[in-house]
C-alpha atoms as a PDB file:
ATOM      1  CA  MET A   1     -39.597  65.160 -58.275  1.00  0.00           C
ATOM      2  CA  SER A   2     -38.820  62.739 -55.501  1.00  0.00           C
ATOM      3  CA  THR A   3     -41.336  61.732 -52.883  1.00  0.00           C
ATOM      4  CA  GLN A   4     -38.887  59.434 -51.086  1.00  0.00           C
ATOM      5  CA  ALA A   5     -38.578  59.845 -47.324  1.00  0.00           C
ATOM      6  CA  ASP A   6     -35.636  61.993 -46.254  1.00  0.00           C
ATOM      7  CA  HIS A   7     -33.426  60.031 -43.897  1.00  0.00           C
ATOM      8  CA  GLY A   8     -30.499  62.431 -44.173  1.00  0.00           C
ATOM      9  CA  HIS A   9     -29.242  65.217 -41.992  1.00  0.00           C
ATOM     10  CA  GLU A  10     -31.617  66.877 -39.544  1.00  0.00           C
ATOM     11  CA  LEU A  11     -30.828  70.317 -38.134  1.00  0.00           C
ATOM     12  CA  ILE A  12     -32.415  69.522 -34.762  1.00  0.00           C
ATOM     13  CA  PRO A  13     -34.228  66.550 -33.251  1.00  0.00           C
ATOM     14  CA  ARG A  14     -37.992  66.406 -33.755  1.00  0.00           C
ATOM     15  CA  PRO A  15     -39.494  68.453 -30.911  1.00  0.00           C
ATOM     16  CA  GLN A  16     -42.243  67.335 -28.600  1.00  0.00           C
ATOM     17  CA  GLN A  17     -45.672  68.552 -29.618  1.00  0.00           C
ATOM     18  CA  THR A  18     -46.068  71.183 -26.928  1.00  0.00           C
ATOM     19  CA  PRO A  19     -46.260  74.943 -27.523  1.00  0.00           C
ATOM     20  CA  ASP A  20     -42.990  75.610 -25.671  1.00  0.00           C
ATOM     21  CA  ALA A  21     -41.069  72.839 -27.449  1.00  0.00           C
ATOM     22  CA  LEU A  22     -42.405  73.896 -30.840  1.00  0.00           C
ATOM     23  CA  ARG A  23     -41.520  77.539 -30.176  1.00  0.00           C
ATOM     24  CA  ALA A  24     -37.986  76.607 -29.104  1.00  0.00           C
ATOM     25  CA  ALA A  25     -37.537  74.489 -32.242  1.00  0.00           C
ATOM     26  CA  LEU A  26     -38.864  77.231 -34.514  1.00  0.00           C
ATOM     27  CA  ALA A  27     -36.481  79.714 -32.882  1.00  0.00           C
ATOM     28  CA  VAL A  28     -33.645  77.536 -34.184  1.00  0.00           C
ATOM     29  CA  VAL A  29     -34.876  76.463 -37.642  1.00  0.00           C
ATOM     30  CA  ASP A  30     -36.924  79.499 -38.779  1.00  0.00           C
ATOM     31  CA  PRO A  31     -36.854  82.363 -36.256  1.00  0.00           C
ATOM     32  CA  ALA A  32     -38.389  84.807 -38.755  1.00  0.00           C
ATOM     33  CA  ARG A  33     -41.720  82.968 -38.303  1.00  0.00           C
ATOM     34  CA  LEU A  34     -41.942  83.364 -34.502  1.00  0.00           C
ATOM     35  CA  GLY A  35     -44.361  86.296 -34.792  1.00  0.00           C
ATOM     36  CA  GLU A  36     -46.584  84.317 -37.142  1.00  0.00           C
ATOM     37  CA  MET A  37     -46.512  81.388 -34.738  1.00  0.00           C
ATOM     38  CA  GLN A  38     -47.568  83.571 -31.810  1.00  0.00           C
ATOM     39  CA  ALA A  39     -50.386  85.188 -33.804  1.00  0.00           C
ATOM     40  CA  THR A  40     -51.787  81.837 -34.922  1.00  0.00           C
ATOM     41  CA  LYS A  41     -51.428  80.482 -31.370  1.00  0.00           C
ATOM     42  CA  ASP A  42     -53.432  83.411 -30.019  1.00  0.00           C
ATOM     43  CA  GLU A  43     -56.124  82.783 -32.653  1.00  0.00           C
ATOM     44  CA  ALA A  44     -56.246  79.054 -31.855  1.00  0.00           C
ATOM     45  CA  PHE A  45     -56.592  79.639 -28.130  1.00  0.00           C
ATOM     46  CA  ALA A  46     -59.305  82.267 -28.662  1.00  0.00           C
ATOM     47  CA  LYS A  47     -61.250  79.840 -30.877  1.00  0.00           C
ATOM     48  CA  ALA A  48     -60.786  77.078 -28.290  1.00  0.00           C
ATOM     49  CA  VAL A  49     -62.402  79.258 -25.643  1.00  0.00           C
ATOM     50  CA  GLU A  50     -65.161  80.425 -27.983  1.00  0.00           C
ATOM     51  CA  TRP A  51     -65.928  76.927 -29.241  1.00  0.00           C
ATOM     52  CA  GLU A  52     -65.362  75.249 -25.863  1.00  0.00           C
ATOM     53  CA  SER A  53     -63.170  72.750 -27.703  1.00  0.00           C
ATOM     54  CA  LEU A  54     -59.488  71.873 -27.825  1.00  0.00           C
ATOM     55  CA  SER A  55     -59.635  71.097 -31.559  1.00  0.00           C
ATOM     56  CA  PRO A  56     -58.265  74.526 -32.638  1.00  0.00           C
ATOM     57  CA  VAL A  57     -55.286  74.066 -30.312  1.00  0.00           C
ATOM     58  CA  ARG A  58     -54.690  70.517 -31.574  1.00  0.00           C
ATOM     59  CA  SER A  59     -54.794  71.795 -35.159  1.00  0.00           C
ATOM     60  CA  TRP A  60     -52.338  74.582 -34.298  1.00  0.00           C
ATOM     61  CA  VAL A  61     -49.924  72.075 -32.767  1.00  0.00           C
ATOM     62  CA  LEU A  62     -50.097  69.777 -35.807  1.00  0.00           C
ATOM     63  CA  ILE A  63     -49.655  72.587 -38.329  1.00  0.00           C
ATOM     64  CA  TRP A  64     -46.593  73.954 -36.555  1.00  0.00           C
ATOM     65  CA  ALA A  65     -45.151  70.491 -35.919  1.00  0.00           C
ATOM     66  CA  ARG A  66     -45.507  69.851 -39.677  1.00  0.00           C
ATOM     67  CA  ASP A  67     -43.885  73.145 -40.644  1.00  0.00           C
ATOM     68  CA  ILE A  68     -41.018  72.594 -38.193  1.00  0.00           C
ATOM     69  CA  GLU A  69     -40.579  69.062 -39.547  1.00  0.00           C
ATOM     70  CA  ILE A  70     -40.051  70.565 -43.004  1.00  0.00           C
ATOM     71  CA  ALA A  71     -37.681  73.258 -41.738  1.00  0.00           C
ATOM     72  CA  ARG A  72     -35.543  70.885 -39.643  1.00  0.00           C
ATOM     73  CA  ARG A  73     -34.884  68.534 -42.582  1.00  0.00           C
ATOM     74  CA  PRO A  74     -32.807  70.346 -45.239  1.00  0.00           C
ATOM     75  CA  GLU A  75     -33.748  68.038 -48.120  1.00  0.00           C
ATOM     76  CA  LEU A  76     -37.456  68.279 -47.326  1.00  0.00           C
ATOM     77  CA  SER A  77     -37.111  72.039 -46.904  1.00  0.00           C
ATOM     78  CA  ALA A  78     -35.403  72.316 -50.293  1.00  0.00           C
ATOM     79  CA  ARG A  79     -38.183  70.299 -51.948  1.00  0.00           C
ATOM     80  CA  HIS A  80     -40.770  72.532 -50.260  1.00  0.00           C
ATOM     81  CA  ALA A  81     -39.040  75.731 -51.427  1.00  0.00           C
ATOM     82  CA  ARG A  82     -38.648  74.453 -55.020  1.00  0.00           C
ATOM     83  CA  ALA A  83     -42.290  73.421 -55.180  1.00  0.00           C
ATOM     84  CA  LYS A  84     -43.542  76.727 -53.758  1.00  0.00           C
ATOM     85  CA  GLY A  85     -41.279  78.601 -56.167  1.00  0.00           C
ATOM     86  CA  ASN A  86     -42.787  76.813 -59.166  1.00  0.00           C
ATOM     87  CA  LEU A  87     -46.464  77.088 -58.203  1.00  0.00           C
ATOM     88  CA  GLU A  88     -46.926  80.202 -60.356  1.00  0.00           C
ATOM     89  CA  HIS A  89     -44.653  79.035 -63.192  1.00  0.00           C
ATOM     90  CA  GLY A  90     -45.702  80.156 -66.667  1.00  0.00           C
ATOM     91  CA  ASN A  91     -45.680  76.564 -67.888  1.00  0.00           C
ATOM     92  CA  PRO A  92     -48.883  74.935 -66.574  1.00  0.00           C
ATOM     93  CA  ALA A  93     -47.275  71.482 -66.525  1.00  0.00           C
ATOM     94  CA  ILE A  94     -44.478  72.704 -64.248  1.00  0.00           C
ATOM     95  CA  ALA A  95     -46.977  74.494 -62.002  1.00  0.00           C
ATOM     96  CA  GLN A  96     -49.100  71.332 -61.781  1.00  0.00           C
ATOM     97  CA  GLU A  97     -46.035  69.212 -60.974  1.00  0.00           C
ATOM     98  CA  ALA A  98     -45.087  71.745 -58.284  1.00  0.00           C
ATOM     99  CA  LEU A  99     -48.549  71.497 -56.736  1.00  0.00           C
ATOM    100  CA  GLY A 100     -48.228  67.710 -56.593  1.00  0.00           C
ATOM    101  CA  GLU A 101     -44.759  67.949 -55.069  1.00  0.00           C
ATOM    102  CA  LEU A 102     -45.908  70.494 -52.486  1.00  0.00           C
ATOM    103  CA  SER A 103     -48.748  68.181 -51.500  1.00  0.00           C
ATOM    104  CA  ALA A 104     -46.306  65.259 -51.229  1.00  0.00           C
ATOM    105  CA  VAL A 105     -43.934  67.261 -49.005  1.00  0.00           C
ATOM    106  CA  LEU A 106     -46.750  68.382 -46.703  1.00  0.00           C
ATOM    107  CA  ASP A 107     -48.099  64.817 -46.505  1.00  0.00           C
ATOM    108  CA  GLU A 108     -44.652  63.387 -45.745  1.00  0.00           C
ATOM    109  CA  ALA A 109     -44.074  65.915 -42.977  1.00  0.00           C
ATOM    110  CA  MET A 110     -47.518  65.365 -41.469  1.00  0.00           C
ATOM    111  CA  LYS A 111     -47.048  61.577 -41.457  1.00  0.00           C
ATOM    112  CA  ALA A 112     -43.702  62.023 -39.727  1.00  0.00           C
ATOM    113  CA  VAL A 113     -45.126  64.151 -36.920  1.00  0.00           C
ATOM    114  CA  ARG A 114     -48.186  61.970 -36.432  1.00  0.00           C
ATOM    115  CA  GLY A 115     -45.896  58.984 -35.924  1.00  0.00           C
END
């Protein structure tokens, strides 16, 4: 499986890393996950208050920026879906390859959003 950077078509521009911009982007590329996004945002903000730290909010922003990066790039999204689909494959070699590919996709997306 390829780990080359995807420089092809993007559904939307990369959003700014703010809650509103990320929510607007998710509404376009994967609106079915908006409820999940809100729930995890609520959890992150509650932890931030409890811990007296912004680190849970920063983590939330990075996780959603990464997931939106995958969803906005069709080739990366296809690689992600194929890898996830093969994680439980009956052939251990295929499952192991899928795990490596999933890790590569997540790493590529995270590097892209971290700049």
